[in-house]
Amino acid sequence: MATLRSLKIKTSTCMRVAKELWSYEEVVGREAAKAAVMKNRGANLDDLKQQENVLAESRMMVPDCHKRLDAAVADLKATLAELMR
């Protein structure tokens, strides 16, 4: 049975994952800009490759966070529906 405590926990989970998603999206933007500057300045190919790897890893985290946020929101909705009965 759902309780108010579980509702608070699930709400906090949604907020935390949303903040994490925002953070990863911000990192992707920052790293993409850094890679573009490196390309324009003609940086060392090894350094550019490493920067592109960092960017790729950050981009991979965004869809994962979307999935976790969707799951957390669905769980929160189910808990809320149970409490409303």
PDB file of N, CA and C in Angstrom:
ATOM      1  N   MET A   1       0.835  -1.178   0.000  1.00  0.00           N
ATOM      2  CA  MET A   1       0.000   0.000   0.000  1.00  0.00           C
ATOM      3  C   MET A   1       0.883   1.246   0.000  1.00  0.00           C
ATOM      4  N   ALA A   2       0.493   2.186  -0.803  1.00  0.00           N
ATOM      5  CA  ALA A   2       1.256   3.432  -0.915  1.00  0.00           C
ATOM      6  C   ALA A   2       0.980   4.332   0.289  1.00  0.00           C
ATOM      7  N   THR A   3       2.014   4.997   0.716  1.00  0.00           N
ATOM      8  CA  THR A   3       1.900   5.938   1.831  1.00  0.00           C
ATOM      9  C   THR A   3       2.387   7.302   1.374  1.00  0.00           C
ATOM     10  N   LEU A   4       2.162   8.291   2.207  1.00  0.00           N
ATOM     11  CA  LEU A   4       2.664   9.620   1.889  1.00  0.00           C
ATOM     12  C   LEU A   4       4.184   9.623   1.824  1.00  0.00           C
ATOM     13  N   ARG A   5       4.809   8.812   2.662  1.00  0.00           N
ATOM     14  CA  ARG A   5       6.269   8.729   2.656  1.00  0.00           C
ATOM     15  C   ARG A   5       6.774   8.219   1.307  1.00  0.00           C
ATOM     16  N   SER A   6       6.128   7.187   0.773  1.00  0.00           N
ATOM     17  CA  SER A   6       6.553   6.659  -0.526  1.00  0.00           C
ATOM     18  C   SER A   6       6.292   7.677  -1.632  1.00  0.00           C
ATOM     19  N   LEU A   7       5.227   8.460  -1.493  1.00  0.00           N
ATOM     20  CA  LEU A   7       4.946   9.508  -2.469  1.00  0.00           C
ATOM     21  C   LEU A   7       6.051  10.569  -2.449  1.00  0.00           C
ATOM     22  N   LYS A   8       6.499  10.946  -1.267  1.00  0.00           N
ATOM     23  CA  LYS A   8       7.589  11.922  -1.155  1.00  0.00           C
ATOM     24  C   LYS A   8       8.873  11.374  -1.761  1.00  0.00           C
ATOM     25  N   ILE A   9       9.160  10.104  -1.510  1.00  0.00           N
ATOM     26  CA  ILE A   9      10.367   9.478  -2.048  1.00  0.00           C
ATOM     27  C   ILE A   9      10.323   9.460  -3.571  1.00  0.00           C
ATOM     28  N   LYS A  10       9.193   9.077  -4.131  1.00  0.00           N
ATOM     29  CA  LYS A  10       9.065   8.989  -5.585  1.00  0.00           C
ATOM     30  C   LYS A  10       9.104  10.377  -6.226  1.00  0.00           C
ATOM     31  N   THR A  11       8.564  11.367  -5.556  1.00  0.00           N
ATOM     32  CA  THR A  11       8.639  12.741  -6.045  1.00  0.00           C
ATOM     33  C   THR A  11      10.086  13.222  -6.051  1.00  0.00           C
ATOM     34  N   SER A  12      10.800  12.933  -4.984  1.00  0.00           N
ATOM     35  CA  SER A  12      12.213  13.321  -4.905  1.00  0.00           C
ATOM     36  C   SER A  12      13.041  12.611  -5.981  1.00  0.00           C
ATOM     37  N   THR A  13      12.706  11.371  -6.258  1.00  0.00           N
ATOM     38  CA  THR A  13      13.406  10.627  -7.308  1.00  0.00           C
ATOM     39  C   THR A  13      13.203  11.296  -8.659  1.00  0.00           C
ATOM     40  N   CYS A  14      11.963  11.681  -8.947  1.00  0.00           N
ATOM     41  CA  CYS A  14      11.687  12.364 -10.217  1.00  0.00           C
ATOM     42  C   CYS A  14      12.455  13.674 -10.317  1.00  0.00           C
ATOM     43  N   MET A  15      12.488  14.420  -9.242  1.00  0.00           N
ATOM     44  CA  MET A  15      13.207  15.691  -9.244  1.00  0.00           C
ATOM     45  C   MET A  15      14.703  15.472  -9.443  1.00  0.00           C
ATOM     46  N   ARG A  16      15.268  14.470  -8.791  1.00  0.00           N
ATOM     47  CA  ARG A  16      16.699  14.188  -8.898  1.00  0.00           C
ATOM     48  C   ARG A  16      17.070  13.770 -10.318  1.00  0.00           C
ATOM     49  N   VAL A  17      16.269  12.882 -10.912  1.00  0.00           N
ATOM     50  CA  VAL A  17      16.568  12.407 -12.266  1.00  0.00           C
ATOM     51  C   VAL A  17      16.386  13.542 -13.277  1.00  0.00           C
ATOM     52  N   ALA A  18      15.389  14.397 -13.079  1.00  0.00           N
ATOM     53  CA  ALA A  18      15.195  15.545 -13.973  1.00  0.00           C
ATOM     54  C   ALA A  18      16.388  16.491 -13.888  1.00  0.00           C
ATOM     55  N   LYS A  19      16.894  16.710 -12.686  1.00  0.00           N
ATOM     56  CA  LYS A  19      18.064  17.566 -12.512  1.00  0.00           C
ATOM     57  C   LYS A  19      19.293  16.940 -13.166  1.00  0.00           C
ATOM     58  N   GLU A  20      19.412  15.638 -13.047  1.00  0.00           N
ATOM     59  CA  GLU A  20      20.528  14.928 -13.669  1.00  0.00           C
ATOM     60  C   GLU A  20      20.453  15.031 -15.195  1.00  0.00           C
ATOM     61  N   LEU A  21      19.248  14.897 -15.743  1.00  0.00           N
ATOM     62  CA  LEU A  21      19.044  15.025 -17.182  1.00  0.00           C
ATOM     63  C   LEU A  21      19.440  16.423 -17.649  1.00  0.00           C
ATOM     64  N   TRP A  22      19.006  17.432 -16.928  1.00  0.00           N
ATOM     65  CA  TRP A  22      19.352  18.811 -17.269  1.00  0.00           C
ATOM     66  C   TRP A  22      20.866  18.995 -17.237  1.00  0.00           C
ATOM     67  N   SER A  23      21.491  18.416 -16.256  1.00  0.00           N
ATOM     68  CA  SER A  23      22.936  18.533 -16.111  1.00  0.00           C
ATOM     69  C   SER A  23      23.659  17.883 -17.298  1.00  0.00           C
ATOM     70  N   TYR A  24      23.236  16.689 -17.697  1.00  0.00           N
ATOM     71  CA  TYR A  24      23.866  16.020 -18.836  1.00  0.00           C
ATOM     72  C   TYR A  24      23.656  16.808 -20.127  1.00  0.00           C
ATOM     73  N   GLU A  25      22.461  17.379 -20.304  1.00  0.00           N
ATOM     74  CA  GLU A  25      22.214  18.179 -21.497  1.00  0.00           C
ATOM     75  C   GLU A  25      23.111  19.408 -21.516  1.00  0.00           C
ATOM     76  N   GLU A  26      23.334  19.995 -20.363  1.00  0.00           N
ATOM     77  CA  GLU A  26      24.226  21.143 -20.251  1.00  0.00           C
ATOM     78  C   GLU A  26      25.671  20.738 -20.576  1.00  0.00           C
ATOM     79  N   VAL A  27      26.091  19.589 -20.083  1.00  0.00           N
ATOM     80  CA  VAL A  27      27.449  19.096 -20.353  1.00  0.00           C
ATOM     81  C   VAL A  27      27.630  18.827 -21.842  1.00  0.00           C
ATOM     82  N   VAL A  28      26.632  18.255 -22.492  1.00  0.00           N
ATOM     83  CA  VAL A  28      26.716  17.980 -23.929  1.00  0.00           C
ATOM     84  C   VAL A  28      26.914  19.281 -24.697  1.00  0.00           C
ATOM     85  N   GLY A  29      26.150  20.304 -24.345  1.00  0.00           N
ATOM     86  CA  GLY A  29      26.309  21.595 -25.010  1.00  0.00           C
ATOM     87  C   GLY A  29      27.694  22.180 -24.804  1.00  0.00           C
ATOM     88  N   ARG A  30      28.174  22.115 -23.583  1.00  0.00           N
ATOM     89  CA  ARG A  30      29.487  22.668 -23.252  1.00  0.00           C
ATOM     90  C   ARG A  30      30.599  21.899 -23.969  1.00  0.00           C
ATOM     91  N   GLU A  31      30.521  20.577 -23.970  1.00  0.00           N
ATOM     92  CA  GLU A  31      31.551  19.753 -24.606  1.00  0.00           C
ATOM     93  C   GLU A  31      31.514  19.887 -26.128  1.00  0.00           C
ATOM     94  N   ALA A  32      30.322  20.053 -26.709  1.00  0.00           N
ATOM     95  CA  ALA A  32      30.212  20.246 -28.153  1.00  0.00           C
ATOM     96  C   ALA A  32      30.856  21.572 -28.547  1.00  0.00           C
ATOM     97  N   ALA A  33      30.623  22.597 -27.757  1.00  0.00           N
ATOM     98  CA  ALA A  33      31.244  23.893 -28.035  1.00  0.00           C
ATOM     99  C   ALA A  33      32.764  23.799 -27.925  1.00  0.00           C
ATOM    100  N   LYS A  34      33.235  23.075 -26.933  1.00  0.00           N
ATOM    101  CA  LYS A  34      34.673  22.913 -26.739  1.00  0.00           C
ATOM    102  C   LYS A  34      35.288  22.162 -27.929  1.00  0.00           C
ATOM    103  N   ALA A  35      34.607  21.134 -28.412  1.00  0.00           N
ATOM    104  CA  ALA A  35      35.101  20.374 -29.565  1.00  0.00           C
ATOM    105  C   ALA A  35      35.135  21.247 -30.816  1.00  0.00           C
ATOM    106  N   ALA A  36      34.114  22.083 -30.986  1.00  0.00           N
ATOM    107  CA  ALA A  36      34.073  22.970 -32.149  1.00  0.00           C
ATOM    108  C   ALA A  36      35.229  23.968 -32.115  1.00  0.00           C
ATOM    109  N   VAL A  37      35.505  24.506 -30.947  1.00  0.00           N
ATOM    110  CA  VAL A  37      36.623  25.443 -30.808  1.00  0.00           C
ATOM    111  C   VAL A  37      37.940  24.735 -31.111  1.00  0.00           C
ATOM    112  N   MET A  38      38.071  23.517 -30.626  1.00  0.00           N
ATOM    113  CA  MET A  38      39.304  22.760 -30.888  1.00  0.00           C
ATOM    114  C   MET A  38      39.480  22.513 -32.384  1.00  0.00           C
ATOM    115  N   LYS A  39      38.382  22.190 -33.086  1.00  0.00           N
ATOM    116  CA  LYS A  39      38.458  21.960 -34.532  1.00  0.00           C
ATOM    117  C   LYS A  39      38.861  23.238 -35.256  1.00  0.00           C
ATOM    118  N   ASN A  40      38.263  24.353 -34.871  1.00  0.00           N
ATOM    119  CA  ASN A  40      38.550  25.629 -35.528  1.00  0.00           C
ATOM    120  C   ASN A  40      39.990  26.067 -35.314  1.00  0.00           C
ATOM    121  N   ARG A  41      40.534  25.750 -34.170  1.00  0.00           N
ATOM    122  CA  ARG A  41      41.911  26.141 -33.863  1.00  0.00           C
ATOM    123  C   ARG A  41      42.936  25.149 -34.398  1.00  0.00           C
ATOM    124  N   GLY A  42      42.477  24.050 -34.956  1.00  0.00           N
ATOM    125  CA  GLY A  42      43.394  23.055 -35.508  1.00  0.00           C
ATOM    126  C   GLY A  42      44.156  22.311 -34.426  1.00  0.00           C
ATOM    127  N   ALA A  43      43.445  21.867 -33.411  1.00  0.00           N
ATOM    128  CA  ALA A  43      44.068  21.172 -32.275  1.00  0.00           C
ATOM    129  C   ALA A  43      44.663  19.835 -32.719  1.00  0.00           C
ATOM    130  N   ASN A  44      45.513  19.315 -31.880  1.00  0.00           N
ATOM    131  CA  ASN A  44      46.136  18.009 -32.088  1.00  0.00           C
ATOM    132  C   ASN A  44      45.034  16.971 -32.313  1.00  0.00           C
ATOM    133  N   LEU A  45      45.231  16.078 -33.276  1.00  0.00           N
ATOM    134  CA  LEU A  45      44.205  15.085 -33.603  1.00  0.00           C
ATOM    135  C   LEU A  45      43.898  14.155 -32.435  1.00  0.00           C
ATOM    136  N   ASP A  46      44.901  13.817 -31.647  1.00  0.00           N
ATOM    137  CA  ASP A  46      44.673  12.958 -30.488  1.00  0.00           C
ATOM    138  C   ASP A  46      43.810  13.672 -29.439  1.00  0.00           C
ATOM    139  N   ASP A  47      44.099  14.938 -29.231  1.00  0.00           N
ATOM    140  CA  ASP A  47      43.299  15.716 -28.281  1.00  0.00           C
ATOM    141  C   ASP A  47      41.869  15.868 -28.773  1.00  0.00           C
ATOM    142  N   LEU A  48      41.712  16.098 -30.059  1.00  0.00           N
ATOM    143  CA  LEU A  48      40.376  16.239 -30.644  1.00  0.00           C
ATOM    144  C   LEU A  48      39.609  14.927 -30.549  1.00  0.00           C
ATOM    145  N   LYS A  49      40.286  13.826 -30.801  1.00  0.00           N
ATOM    146  CA  LYS A  49      39.642  12.500 -30.699  1.00  0.00           C
ATOM    147  C   LYS A  49      39.179  12.249 -29.260  1.00  0.00           C
ATOM    148  N   GLN A  50      40.014  12.606 -28.285  1.00  0.00           N
ATOM    149  CA  GLN A  50      39.647  12.426 -26.880  1.00  0.00           C
ATOM    150  C   GLN A  50      38.440  13.288 -26.527  1.00  0.00           C
ATOM    151  N   GLN A  51      38.411  14.521 -27.020  1.00  0.00           N
ATOM    152  CA  GLN A  51      37.273  15.404 -26.753  1.00  0.00           C
ATOM    153  C   GLN A  51      35.999  14.853 -27.375  1.00  0.00           C
ATOM    154  N   GLU A  52      36.104  14.295 -28.567  1.00  0.00           N
ATOM    155  CA  GLU A  52      34.929  13.710 -29.210  1.00  0.00           C
ATOM    156  C   GLU A  52      34.446  12.472 -28.458  1.00  0.00           C
ATOM    157  N   ASN A  53      35.357  11.719 -27.861  1.00  0.00           N
ATOM    158  CA  ASN A  53      34.957  10.574 -27.028  1.00  0.00           C
ATOM    159  C   ASN A  53      34.200  11.048 -25.788  1.00  0.00           C
ATOM    160  N   VAL A  54      34.680  12.114 -25.170  1.00  0.00           N
ATOM    161  CA  VAL A  54      33.997  12.684 -23.994  1.00  0.00           C
ATOM    162  C   VAL A  54      32.593  13.131 -24.389  1.00  0.00           C
ATOM    163  N   LEU A  55      32.490  13.788 -25.533  1.00  0.00           N
ATOM    164  CA  LEU A  55      31.191  14.253 -26.026  1.00  0.00           C
ATOM    165  C   LEU A  55      30.258  13.077 -26.304  1.00  0.00           C
ATOM    166  N   ALA A  56      30.775  12.022 -26.912  1.00  0.00           N
ATOM    167  CA  ALA A  56      29.948  10.847 -27.224  1.00  0.00           C
ATOM    168  C   ALA A  56      29.431  10.181 -25.946  1.00  0.00           C
ATOM    169  N   GLU A  57      30.283  10.085 -24.932  1.00  0.00           N
ATOM    170  CA  GLU A  57      29.847   9.482 -23.667  1.00  0.00           C
ATOM    171  C   GLU A  57      28.758  10.320 -23.012  1.00  0.00           C
ATOM    172  N   SER A  58      28.895  11.627 -23.069  1.00  0.00           N
ATOM    173  CA  SER A  58      27.879  12.500 -22.486  1.00  0.00           C
ATOM    174  C   SER A  58      26.566  12.376 -23.249  1.00  0.00           C
ATOM    175  N   ARG A  59      26.662  12.284 -24.582  1.00  0.00           N
ATOM    176  CA  ARG A  59      25.442  12.150 -25.388  1.00  0.00           C
ATOM    177  C   ARG A  59      24.725  10.833 -25.108  1.00  0.00           C
ATOM    178  N   MET A  60      25.473   9.787 -24.788  1.00  0.00           N
ATOM    179  CA  MET A  60      24.857   8.490 -24.489  1.00  0.00           C
ATOM    180  C   MET A  60      24.046   8.532 -23.199  1.00  0.00           C
ATOM    181  N   MET A  61      24.396   9.408 -22.289  1.00  0.00           N
ATOM    182  CA  MET A  61      23.706   9.459 -21.005  1.00  0.00           C
ATOM    183  C   MET A  61      22.339  10.129 -21.104  1.00  0.00           C
ATOM    184  N   VAL A  62      22.134  10.996 -22.091  1.00  0.00           N
ATOM    185  CA  VAL A  62      20.862  11.721 -22.200  1.00  0.00           C
ATOM    186  C   VAL A  62      19.684  10.767 -22.431  1.00  0.00           C
ATOM    187  N   PRO A  63      19.741   9.844 -23.414  1.00  0.00           N
ATOM    188  CA  PRO A  63      18.602   8.924 -23.588  1.00  0.00           C
ATOM    189  C   PRO A  63      18.379   8.024 -22.365  1.00  0.00           C
ATOM    190  N   ASP A  64      19.473   7.628 -21.710  1.00  0.00           N
ATOM    191  CA  ASP A  64      19.346   6.809 -20.501  1.00  0.00           C
ATOM    192  C   ASP A  64      18.590   7.585 -19.422  1.00  0.00           C
ATOM    193  N   CYS A  65      18.921   8.844 -19.256  1.00  0.00           N
ATOM    194  CA  CYS A  65      18.228   9.663 -18.251  1.00  0.00           C
ATOM    195  C   CYS A  65      16.759   9.850 -18.624  1.00  0.00           C
ATOM    196  N   HIS A  66      16.481  10.004 -19.932  1.00  0.00           N
ATOM    197  CA  HIS A  66      15.079  10.122 -20.365  1.00  0.00           C
ATOM    198  C   HIS A  66      14.295   8.869 -19.973  1.00  0.00           C
ATOM    199  N   LYS A  67      14.887   7.696 -20.200  1.00  0.00           N
ATOM    200  CA  LYS A  67      14.212   6.438 -19.854  1.00  0.00           C
ATOM    201  C   LYS A  67      13.969   6.352 -18.350  1.00  0.00           C
ATOM    202  N   ARG A  68      14.993   6.697 -17.561  1.00  0.00           N
ATOM    203  CA  ARG A  68      14.841   6.629 -16.112  1.00  0.00           C
ATOM    204  C   ARG A  68      13.819   7.634 -15.612  1.00  0.00           C
ATOM    205  N   LEU A  69      13.766   8.822 -16.236  1.00  0.00           N
ATOM    206  CA  LEU A  69      12.774   9.823 -15.841  1.00  0.00           C
ATOM    207  C   LEU A  69      11.369   9.353 -16.193  1.00  0.00           C
ATOM    208  N   ASP A  70      11.199   8.781 -17.373  1.00  0.00           N
ATOM    209  CA  ASP A  70       9.887   8.248 -17.759  1.00  0.00           C
ATOM    210  C   ASP A  70       9.422   7.174 -16.785  1.00  0.00           C
ATOM    211  N   ALA A  71      10.334   6.285 -16.399  1.00  0.00           N
ATOM    212  CA  ALA A  71       9.990   5.216 -15.454  1.00  0.00           C
ATOM    213  C   ALA A  71       9.644   5.796 -14.084  1.00  0.00           C
ATOM    214  N   ALA A  72      10.407   6.785 -13.645  1.00  0.00           N
ATOM    215  CA  ALA A  72      10.148   7.393 -12.337  1.00  0.00           C
ATOM    216  C   ALA A  72       8.810   8.126 -12.325  1.00  0.00           C
ATOM    217  N   VAL A  73       8.494   8.813 -13.414  1.00  0.00           N
ATOM    218  CA  VAL A  73       7.210   9.522 -13.494  1.00  0.00           C
ATOM    219  C   VAL A  73       6.056   8.528 -13.519  1.00  0.00           C
ATOM    220  N   ALA A  74       6.202   7.443 -14.256  1.00  0.00           N
ATOM    221  CA  ALA A  74       5.153   6.418 -14.296  1.00  0.00           C
ATOM    222  C   ALA A  74       4.942   5.814 -12.913  1.00  0.00           C
ATOM    223  N   ASP A  75       6.021   5.565 -12.206  1.00  0.00           N
ATOM    224  CA  ASP A  75       5.932   5.027 -10.853  1.00  0.00           C
ATOM    225  C   ASP A  75       5.243   6.025  -9.920  1.00  0.00           C
ATOM    226  N   LEU A  76       5.586   7.297 -10.070  1.00  0.00           N
ATOM    227  CA  LEU A  76       4.956   8.335  -9.253  1.00  0.00           C
ATOM    228  C   LEU A  76       3.463   8.424  -9.544  1.00  0.00           C
ATOM    229  N   LYS A  77       3.090   8.359 -10.820  1.00  0.00           N
ATOM    230  CA  LYS A  77       1.669   8.407 -11.186  1.00  0.00           C
ATOM    231  C   LYS A  77       0.907   7.218 -10.601  1.00  0.00           C
ATOM    232  N   ALA A  78       1.520   6.038 -10.651  1.00  0.00           N
ATOM    233  CA  ALA A  78       0.858   4.846 -10.102  1.00  0.00           C
ATOM    234  C   ALA A  78       0.675   4.982  -8.598  1.00  0.00           C
ATOM    235  N   THR A  79       1.683   5.500  -7.923  1.00  0.00           N
ATOM    236  CA  THR A  79       1.577   5.689  -6.475  1.00  0.00           C
ATOM    237  C   THR A  79       0.513   6.720  -6.143  1.00  0.00           C
ATOM    238  N   LEU A  80       0.477   7.795  -6.896  1.00  0.00           N
ATOM    239  CA  LEU A  80      -0.520   8.843  -6.676  1.00  0.00           C
ATOM    240  C   LEU A  80      -1.927   8.305  -6.913  1.00  0.00           C
ATOM    241  N   ALA A  81      -2.100   7.500  -7.969  1.00  0.00           N
ATOM    242  CA  ALA A  81      -3.406   6.911  -8.264  1.00  0.00           C
ATOM    243  C   ALA A  81      -3.840   5.980  -7.134  1.00  0.00           C
ATOM    244  N   GLU A  82      -2.873   5.245  -6.576  1.00  0.00           N
ATOM    245  CA  GLU A  82      -3.186   4.337  -5.473  1.00  0.00           C
ATOM    246  C   GLU A  82      -3.598   5.116  -4.232  1.00  0.00           C
ATOM    247  N   LEU A  83      -2.944   6.230  -3.979  1.00  0.00           N
ATOM    248  CA  LEU A  83      -3.298   7.047  -2.819  1.00  0.00           C
ATOM    249  C   LEU A  83      -4.641   7.736  -2.985  1.00  0.00           C
ATOM    250  N   MET A  84      -5.061   8.002  -4.199  1.00  0.00           N
ATOM    251  CA  MET A  84      -6.323   8.701  -4.450  1.00  0.00           C
ATOM    252  C   MET A  84      -7.532   7.791  -4.286  1.00  0.00           C
ATOM    253  N   ARG A  85      -7.299   6.489  -4.248  1.00  0.00           N
ATOM    254  CA  ARG A  85      -8.437   5.555  -4.101  1.00  0.00           C
ATOM    255  C   ARG A  85      -9.022   5.592  -2.737  1.00  0.00           C
TER     256      ARG A  85
END
